[in-house]
Amino acid sequence: MARVRKQVAQINVVPMIDVMLVLLVIFMVTAPFINPAQVELPSVGKTSQTPAQPLEVIIKASGDYLLKNRATGETERGVTQRELAAALAELHRTAPDQPVVIAADKSVRYEEVMHTMTLLQKAQITRIGLLARPAP
């Protein structure tokens, strides 16, 4: 009876280890010659102007609009959509760099917020933001 020889698959890893050790020596020798990149950060000078306090458009869950001017410290006053556009256009003429933020109740439809943003854009107001409460 003849024995059948089964081939055994083996990988000789000694040459691979030799190559890895040579690469390691090359990296260790060349690493001290590489200079880390210097990052030039921009410098900021002191500004003479404080940032403008925003106008705040508040949309309540009931659909009522309130307008609050933080720059003058006035209290919230109720306005309709038509009065809102006219009041914001007038305030924008007096202070064109003043931003406007929209603070909407979380139950207000997104469509209503977008409609308010469209009113602001029609009044030529470009600095518009959304006001959110930070998560606890």
N, C-alpha and C. Protein backbone atom coordinates (compact mmCIF):
# COMPACT_ATOMS: atom_id res chain seq x y z
N MET A 1 0.81 -1.15 0.00
CA MET A 1 0.00 0.00 0.00
C MET A 1 0.87 1.25 0.00
N ALA A 2 0.57 2.14 -0.89
CA ALA A 2 1.36 3.37 -1.00
C ALA A 2 0.69 4.48 -0.18
N ARG A 3 1.53 5.18 0.50
CA ARG A 3 0.99 6.28 1.31
C ARG A 3 0.85 7.53 0.44
N VAL A 4 -0.25 8.20 0.63
CA VAL A 4 -0.48 9.44 -0.09
C VAL A 4 0.05 10.57 0.78
N ARG A 5 0.96 11.36 0.24
CA ARG A 5 1.54 12.46 1.01
C ARG A 5 0.65 13.70 0.86
N LYS A 6 0.31 14.25 1.94
CA LYS A 6 -0.53 15.44 1.97
C LYS A 6 0.39 16.66 2.05
N GLN A 7 0.14 17.61 1.19
CA GLN A 7 0.97 18.81 1.21
C GLN A 7 0.53 19.73 2.34
N VAL A 8 1.51 20.26 3.02
CA VAL A 8 1.24 21.17 4.12
C VAL A 8 1.63 22.58 3.65
N ALA A 9 0.66 23.50 3.77
CA ALA A 9 0.93 24.88 3.35
C ALA A 9 1.54 25.63 4.52
N GLN A 10 2.72 26.13 4.34
CA GLN A 10 3.40 26.90 5.37
C GLN A 10 3.96 28.18 4.75
N ILE A 11 3.92 29.23 5.53
CA ILE A 11 4.47 30.49 5.08
C ILE A 11 5.73 30.75 5.89
N ASN A 12 6.80 31.01 5.20
CA ASN A 12 8.06 31.33 5.87
C ASN A 12 8.06 32.84 6.13
N VAL A 13 7.98 33.25 7.40
CA VAL A 13 7.87 34.66 7.76
C VAL A 13 9.21 35.31 8.05
N VAL A 14 10.29 34.56 8.05
CA VAL A 14 11.60 35.12 8.38
C VAL A 14 12.01 36.22 7.40
N PRO A 15 11.86 36.04 6.08
CA PRO A 15 12.20 37.15 5.19
C PRO A 15 11.34 38.39 5.40
N MET A 16 10.07 38.20 5.73
CA MET A 16 9.18 39.34 5.98
C MET A 16 9.65 40.11 7.24
N ILE A 17 10.07 39.38 8.26
CA ILE A 17 10.54 40.03 9.48
C ILE A 17 11.82 40.81 9.18
N ASP A 18 12.69 40.26 8.34
CA ASP A 18 13.92 40.97 7.97
C ASP A 18 13.60 42.30 7.27
N VAL A 19 12.66 42.27 6.35
CA VAL A 19 12.27 43.49 5.63
C VAL A 19 11.68 44.51 6.59
N MET A 20 10.83 44.07 7.51
CA MET A 20 10.21 44.99 8.47
C MET A 20 11.26 45.62 9.39
N LEU A 21 12.25 44.87 9.81
CA LEU A 21 13.30 45.42 10.66
C LEU A 21 14.14 46.45 9.91
N VAL A 22 14.42 46.20 8.63
CA VAL A 22 15.16 47.17 7.83
C VAL A 22 14.36 48.46 7.69
N LEU A 23 13.05 48.35 7.42
CA LEU A 23 12.19 49.55 7.31
C LEU A 23 12.14 50.30 8.64
N LEU A 24 12.08 49.56 9.75
CA LEU A 24 12.04 50.21 11.06
C LEU A 24 13.32 51.00 11.31
N VAL A 25 14.45 50.43 10.98
CA VAL A 25 15.73 51.13 11.15
C VAL A 25 15.78 52.37 10.27
N ILE A 26 15.30 52.28 9.04
CA ILE A 26 15.29 53.44 8.14
C ILE A 26 14.43 54.56 8.72
N PHE A 27 13.23 54.23 9.23
CA PHE A 27 12.35 55.26 9.81
C PHE A 27 12.95 55.86 11.07
N MET A 28 13.60 55.05 11.89
CA MET A 28 14.20 55.57 13.12
C MET A 28 15.37 56.50 12.83
N VAL A 29 16.12 56.21 11.77
CA VAL A 29 17.26 57.06 11.42
C VAL A 29 16.80 58.36 10.78
N THR A 30 15.77 58.32 9.93
CA THR A 30 15.34 59.53 9.21
C THR A 30 14.36 60.40 10.00
N ALA A 31 13.72 59.88 11.04
CA ALA A 31 12.73 60.66 11.79
C ALA A 31 13.30 61.93 12.42
N PRO A 32 14.49 61.93 13.01
CA PRO A 32 14.99 63.17 13.61
C PRO A 32 15.29 64.27 12.59
N PHE A 33 15.47 63.93 11.33
CA PHE A 33 15.79 64.94 10.33
C PHE A 33 14.55 65.64 9.77
N ILE A 34 13.37 65.12 10.06
CA ILE A 34 12.14 65.72 9.54
C ILE A 34 11.68 66.80 10.51
N ASN A 35 11.53 68.02 10.00
CA ASN A 35 11.05 69.13 10.83
C ASN A 35 9.53 69.14 10.82
N PRO A 36 8.92 69.26 11.99
CA PRO A 36 7.46 69.37 11.98
C PRO A 36 7.05 70.71 11.36
N ALA A 37 5.93 70.69 10.69
CA ALA A 37 5.45 71.90 10.01
C ALA A 37 5.07 72.96 11.04
N GLN A 38 5.47 74.17 10.78
CA GLN A 38 5.10 75.29 11.64
C GLN A 38 3.78 75.86 11.14
N VAL A 39 2.84 76.03 12.03
CA VAL A 39 1.55 76.58 11.67
C VAL A 39 1.53 78.05 12.03
N GLU A 40 1.30 78.89 11.05
CA GLU A 40 1.20 80.33 11.27
C GLU A 40 -0.25 80.68 11.53
N LEU A 41 -0.57 80.97 12.78
CA LEU A 41 -1.94 81.32 13.13
C LEU A 41 -2.17 82.81 12.93
N PRO A 42 -3.36 83.19 12.47
CA PRO A 42 -3.63 84.61 12.29
C PRO A 42 -3.78 85.30 13.64
N SER A 43 -3.40 86.54 13.68
CA SER A 43 -3.56 87.30 14.92
C SER A 43 -4.78 88.20 14.79
N VAL A 44 -5.37 88.45 15.91
CA VAL A 44 -6.58 89.25 15.93
C VAL A 44 -6.31 90.51 16.73
N GLY A 45 -6.56 91.65 16.12
CA GLY A 45 -6.40 92.91 16.84
C GLY A 45 -7.66 93.22 17.62
N LYS A 46 -7.53 94.14 18.52
CA LYS A 46 -8.70 94.52 19.29
C LYS A 46 -9.62 95.36 18.42
N THR A 47 -10.89 95.07 18.52
CA THR A 47 -11.88 95.80 17.74
C THR A 47 -12.41 96.96 18.59
N SER A 48 -12.69 98.03 17.95
CA SER A 48 -13.20 99.19 18.68
C SER A 48 -14.71 99.12 18.85
N GLN A 49 -15.35 98.29 18.04
CA GLN A 49 -16.81 98.20 18.11
C GLN A 49 -17.21 96.90 18.79
N THR A 50 -18.22 97.00 19.62
CA THR A 50 -18.79 95.79 20.19
C THR A 50 -19.81 95.24 19.19
N PRO A 51 -20.03 93.93 19.18
CA PRO A 51 -20.99 93.39 18.23
C PRO A 51 -22.38 93.96 18.48
N ALA A 52 -23.10 94.16 17.40
CA ALA A 52 -24.44 94.75 17.50
C ALA A 52 -25.40 93.77 18.15
N GLN A 53 -26.20 94.29 19.05
CA GLN A 53 -27.23 93.47 19.68
C GLN A 53 -28.34 93.20 18.66
N PRO A 54 -28.81 91.97 18.55
CA PRO A 54 -29.78 91.65 17.50
C PRO A 54 -31.20 92.09 17.83
N LEU A 55 -31.95 92.23 16.76
CA LEU A 55 -33.40 92.35 16.89
C LEU A 55 -33.93 90.93 17.03
N GLU A 56 -34.89 90.75 17.88
CA GLU A 56 -35.40 89.40 18.12
C GLU A 56 -36.87 89.34 17.70
N VAL A 57 -37.15 88.43 16.77
CA VAL A 57 -38.52 88.17 16.35
C VAL A 57 -38.95 86.88 17.03
N ILE A 58 -39.96 86.98 17.89
CA ILE A 58 -40.42 85.83 18.66
C ILE A 58 -41.74 85.35 18.08
N ILE A 59 -41.80 84.06 17.76
CA ILE A 59 -43.04 83.47 17.25
C ILE A 59 -43.54 82.51 18.33
N LYS A 60 -44.69 82.83 18.89
CA LYS A 60 -45.26 82.01 19.95
C LYS A 60 -46.02 80.84 19.36
N ALA A 61 -46.33 79.87 20.20
CA ALA A 61 -47.07 78.67 19.76
C ALA A 61 -48.47 79.04 19.27
N SER A 62 -49.01 80.13 19.81
CA SER A 62 -50.35 80.57 19.40
C SER A 62 -50.32 81.26 18.04
N GLY A 63 -49.15 81.53 17.50
CA GLY A 63 -49.02 82.20 16.21
C GLY A 63 -48.82 83.70 16.33
N ASP A 64 -48.76 84.21 17.56
CA ASP A 64 -48.54 85.64 17.77
C ASP A 64 -47.05 85.96 17.54
N TYR A 65 -46.82 87.18 17.03
CA TYR A 65 -45.47 87.66 16.79
C TYR A 65 -45.14 88.72 17.81
N LEU A 66 -43.91 88.66 18.33
CA LEU A 66 -43.40 89.69 19.23
C LEU A 66 -42.09 90.20 18.66
N LEU A 67 -41.83 91.48 18.85
CA LEU A 67 -40.59 92.09 18.37
C LEU A 67 -39.88 92.70 19.56
N LYS A 68 -38.58 92.36 19.71
CA LYS A 68 -37.80 92.87 20.83
C LYS A 68 -36.48 93.40 20.29
N ASN A 69 -36.16 94.65 20.61
CA ASN A 69 -34.91 95.25 20.19
C ASN A 69 -33.96 95.22 21.38
N ARG A 70 -32.97 94.34 21.32
CA ARG A 70 -32.03 94.21 22.43
C ARG A 70 -31.08 95.40 22.51
N ALA A 71 -30.85 96.07 21.40
CA ALA A 71 -29.92 97.20 21.38
C ALA A 71 -30.45 98.35 22.22
N THR A 72 -31.72 98.60 22.15
CA THR A 72 -32.31 99.70 22.91
C THR A 72 -32.84 99.24 24.25
N GLY A 73 -32.94 97.93 24.46
CA GLY A 73 -33.43 97.40 25.72
C GLY A 73 -34.93 97.49 25.87
N GLU A 74 -35.63 97.72 24.78
CA GLU A 74 -37.09 97.83 24.88
C GLU A 74 -37.70 96.45 25.14
N THR A 75 -38.89 96.48 25.73
CA THR A 75 -39.57 95.22 26.02
C THR A 75 -40.23 94.68 24.76
N GLU A 76 -40.69 93.46 24.85
CA GLU A 76 -41.34 92.83 23.70
C GLU A 76 -42.66 93.54 23.41
N ARG A 77 -42.92 93.71 22.11
CA ARG A 77 -44.20 94.30 21.73
C ARG A 77 -44.83 93.42 20.68
N GLY A 78 -46.13 93.23 20.78
CA GLY A 78 -46.86 92.39 19.85
C GLY A 78 -47.05 93.08 18.51
N VAL A 79 -46.85 92.33 17.42
CA VAL A 79 -47.04 92.87 16.08
C VAL A 79 -47.71 91.80 15.21
N THR A 80 -48.33 92.27 14.14
CA THR A 80 -48.85 91.35 13.15
C THR A 80 -47.76 91.12 12.10
N GLN A 81 -48.05 90.22 11.14
CA GLN A 81 -47.05 89.96 10.10
C GLN A 81 -46.77 91.21 9.27
N ARG A 82 -47.79 91.96 8.93
CA ARG A 82 -47.60 93.18 8.14
C ARG A 82 -46.81 94.22 8.93
N GLU A 83 -47.18 94.40 10.19
CA GLU A 83 -46.46 95.36 11.03
C GLU A 83 -45.01 94.91 11.25
N LEU A 84 -44.79 93.60 11.31
CA LEU A 84 -43.45 93.08 11.50
C LEU A 84 -42.54 93.47 10.35
N ALA A 85 -43.00 93.28 9.12
CA ALA A 85 -42.20 93.62 7.95
C ALA A 85 -41.91 95.12 7.92
N ALA A 86 -42.91 95.93 8.20
CA ALA A 86 -42.71 97.38 8.17
C ALA A 86 -41.78 97.84 9.30
N ALA A 87 -41.97 97.30 10.49
CA ALA A 87 -41.13 97.69 11.63
C ALA A 87 -39.68 97.27 11.41
N LEU A 88 -39.47 96.07 10.89
CA LEU A 88 -38.11 95.61 10.64
C LEU A 88 -37.44 96.41 9.53
N ALA A 89 -38.20 96.76 8.50
CA ALA A 89 -37.63 97.58 7.42
C ALA A 89 -37.20 98.94 7.96
N GLU A 90 -38.01 99.52 8.82
CA GLU A 90 -37.68 100.83 9.41
C GLU A 90 -36.45 100.72 10.30
N LEU A 91 -36.41 99.69 11.15
CA LEU A 91 -35.25 99.51 12.03
C LEU A 91 -34.00 99.18 11.23
N HIS A 92 -34.16 98.50 10.12
CA HIS A 92 -33.01 98.16 9.27
C HIS A 92 -32.46 99.41 8.58
N ARG A 93 -33.32 100.36 8.26
CA ARG A 93 -32.83 101.61 7.66
C ARG A 93 -31.99 102.40 8.64
N THR A 94 -32.36 102.39 9.92
CA THR A 94 -31.60 103.15 10.91
C THR A 94 -30.31 102.43 11.31
N ALA A 95 -30.33 101.09 11.34
CA ALA A 95 -29.14 100.32 11.72
C ALA A 95 -28.99 99.13 10.77
N PRO A 96 -28.37 99.34 9.59
CA PRO A 96 -28.33 98.26 8.60
C PRO A 96 -27.45 97.08 8.99
N ASP A 97 -26.52 97.25 9.94
CA ASP A 97 -25.65 96.15 10.35
C ASP A 97 -26.21 95.32 11.49
N GLN A 98 -27.36 95.69 11.99
CA GLN A 98 -27.94 94.98 13.13
C GLN A 98 -28.54 93.65 12.67
N PRO A 99 -28.12 92.54 13.28
CA PRO A 99 -28.67 91.24 12.87
C PRO A 99 -30.08 91.03 13.43
N VAL A 100 -30.78 90.11 12.82
CA VAL A 100 -32.12 89.75 13.26
C VAL A 100 -32.13 88.26 13.55
N VAL A 101 -32.62 87.87 14.73
CA VAL A 101 -32.74 86.46 15.07
C VAL A 101 -34.20 86.10 15.26
N ILE A 102 -34.53 84.88 14.87
CA ILE A 102 -35.90 84.38 15.01
C ILE A 102 -35.91 83.37 16.14
N ALA A 103 -36.75 83.61 17.14
CA ALA A 103 -36.92 82.69 18.26
C ALA A 103 -38.33 82.15 18.18
N ALA A 104 -38.46 80.93 17.68
CA ALA A 104 -39.78 80.33 17.52
C ALA A 104 -39.97 79.23 18.56
N ASP A 105 -41.20 79.13 19.04
CA ASP A 105 -41.55 78.04 19.94
C ASP A 105 -41.36 76.72 19.20
N LYS A 106 -40.99 75.66 19.94
CA LYS A 106 -40.71 74.40 19.25
C LYS A 106 -41.95 73.76 18.64
N SER A 107 -43.13 74.20 19.03
CA SER A 107 -44.34 73.64 18.44
C SER A 107 -44.79 74.42 17.20
N VAL A 108 -44.10 75.51 16.87
CA VAL A 108 -44.42 76.29 15.67
C VAL A 108 -43.98 75.51 14.44
N ARG A 109 -44.81 75.51 13.41
CA ARG A 109 -44.48 74.78 12.18
C ARG A 109 -43.28 75.42 11.49
N TYR A 110 -42.47 74.58 10.91
CA TYR A 110 -41.29 75.03 10.18
C TYR A 110 -41.68 75.97 9.05
N GLU A 111 -42.82 75.72 8.46
CA GLU A 111 -43.33 76.56 7.37
C GLU A 111 -43.50 78.02 7.82
N GLU A 112 -43.95 78.20 9.05
CA GLU A 112 -44.15 79.55 9.59
C GLU A 112 -42.82 80.26 9.79
N VAL A 113 -41.80 79.53 10.24
CA VAL A 113 -40.47 80.11 10.42
C VAL A 113 -39.89 80.51 9.06
N MET A 114 -40.06 79.65 8.06
CA MET A 114 -39.56 79.96 6.72
C MET A 114 -40.30 81.16 6.13
N HIS A 115 -41.58 81.27 6.40
CA HIS A 115 -42.35 82.42 5.91
C HIS A 115 -41.81 83.71 6.55
N THR A 116 -41.48 83.66 7.83
CA THR A 116 -40.91 84.82 8.51
C THR A 116 -39.55 85.17 7.92
N MET A 117 -38.73 84.17 7.62
CA MET A 117 -37.44 84.44 7.01
C MET A 117 -37.60 85.08 5.63
N THR A 118 -38.61 84.65 4.89
CA THR A 118 -38.89 85.25 3.58
C THR A 118 -39.29 86.71 3.73
N LEU A 119 -40.10 87.02 4.75
CA LEU A 119 -40.47 88.42 5.01
C LEU A 119 -39.22 89.26 5.30
N LEU A 120 -38.31 88.70 6.07
CA LEU A 120 -37.08 89.44 6.41
C LEU A 120 -36.22 89.65 5.17
N GLN A 121 -36.14 88.65 4.31
CA GLN A 121 -35.34 88.80 3.11
C GLN A 121 -35.96 89.81 2.14
N LYS A 122 -37.29 89.87 2.10
CA LYS A 122 -37.95 90.86 1.25
C LYS A 122 -37.72 92.27 1.76
N ALA A 123 -37.46 92.40 3.07
CA ALA A 123 -37.17 93.70 3.66
C ALA A 123 -35.68 94.04 3.53
N GLN A 124 -34.94 93.28 2.71
CA GLN A 124 -33.51 93.49 2.43
C GLN A 124 -32.63 93.26 3.66
N ILE A 125 -33.08 92.42 4.58
CA ILE A 125 -32.28 92.08 5.76
C ILE A 125 -31.50 90.82 5.42
N THR A 126 -30.16 90.90 5.51
CA THR A 126 -29.33 89.76 5.12
C THR A 126 -28.76 89.01 6.31
N ARG A 127 -28.64 89.66 7.43
CA ARG A 127 -28.08 89.00 8.63
C ARG A 127 -29.22 88.43 9.46
N ILE A 128 -29.60 87.18 9.14
CA ILE A 128 -30.71 86.51 9.80
C ILE A 128 -30.19 85.25 10.47
N GLY A 129 -30.63 85.01 11.68
CA GLY A 129 -30.22 83.80 12.40
C GLY A 129 -31.40 83.20 13.13
N LEU A 130 -31.20 81.98 13.62
CA LEU A 130 -32.21 81.29 14.41
C LEU A 130 -31.70 81.18 15.84
N LEU A 131 -32.56 81.47 16.79
CA LEU A 131 -32.20 81.44 18.19
C LEU A 131 -32.64 80.10 18.76
N ALA A 132 -31.74 79.43 19.47
CA ALA A 132 -32.05 78.13 20.07
C ALA A 132 -31.57 78.12 21.50
N ARG A 133 -32.23 77.33 22.30
CA ARG A 133 -31.83 77.17 23.69
C ARG A 133 -30.82 76.03 23.76
N PRO A 134 -29.70 76.21 24.47
CA PRO A 134 -28.73 75.13 24.58
C PRO A 134 -29.32 73.93 25.34
N ALA A 135 -28.88 72.75 24.96
CA ALA A 135 -29.38 71.54 25.62
C ALA A 135 -28.86 71.48 27.05
N PRO A 136 -29.71 71.01 27.98
CA PRO A 136 -29.26 70.95 29.39
C PRO A 136 -28.23 69.87 29.61
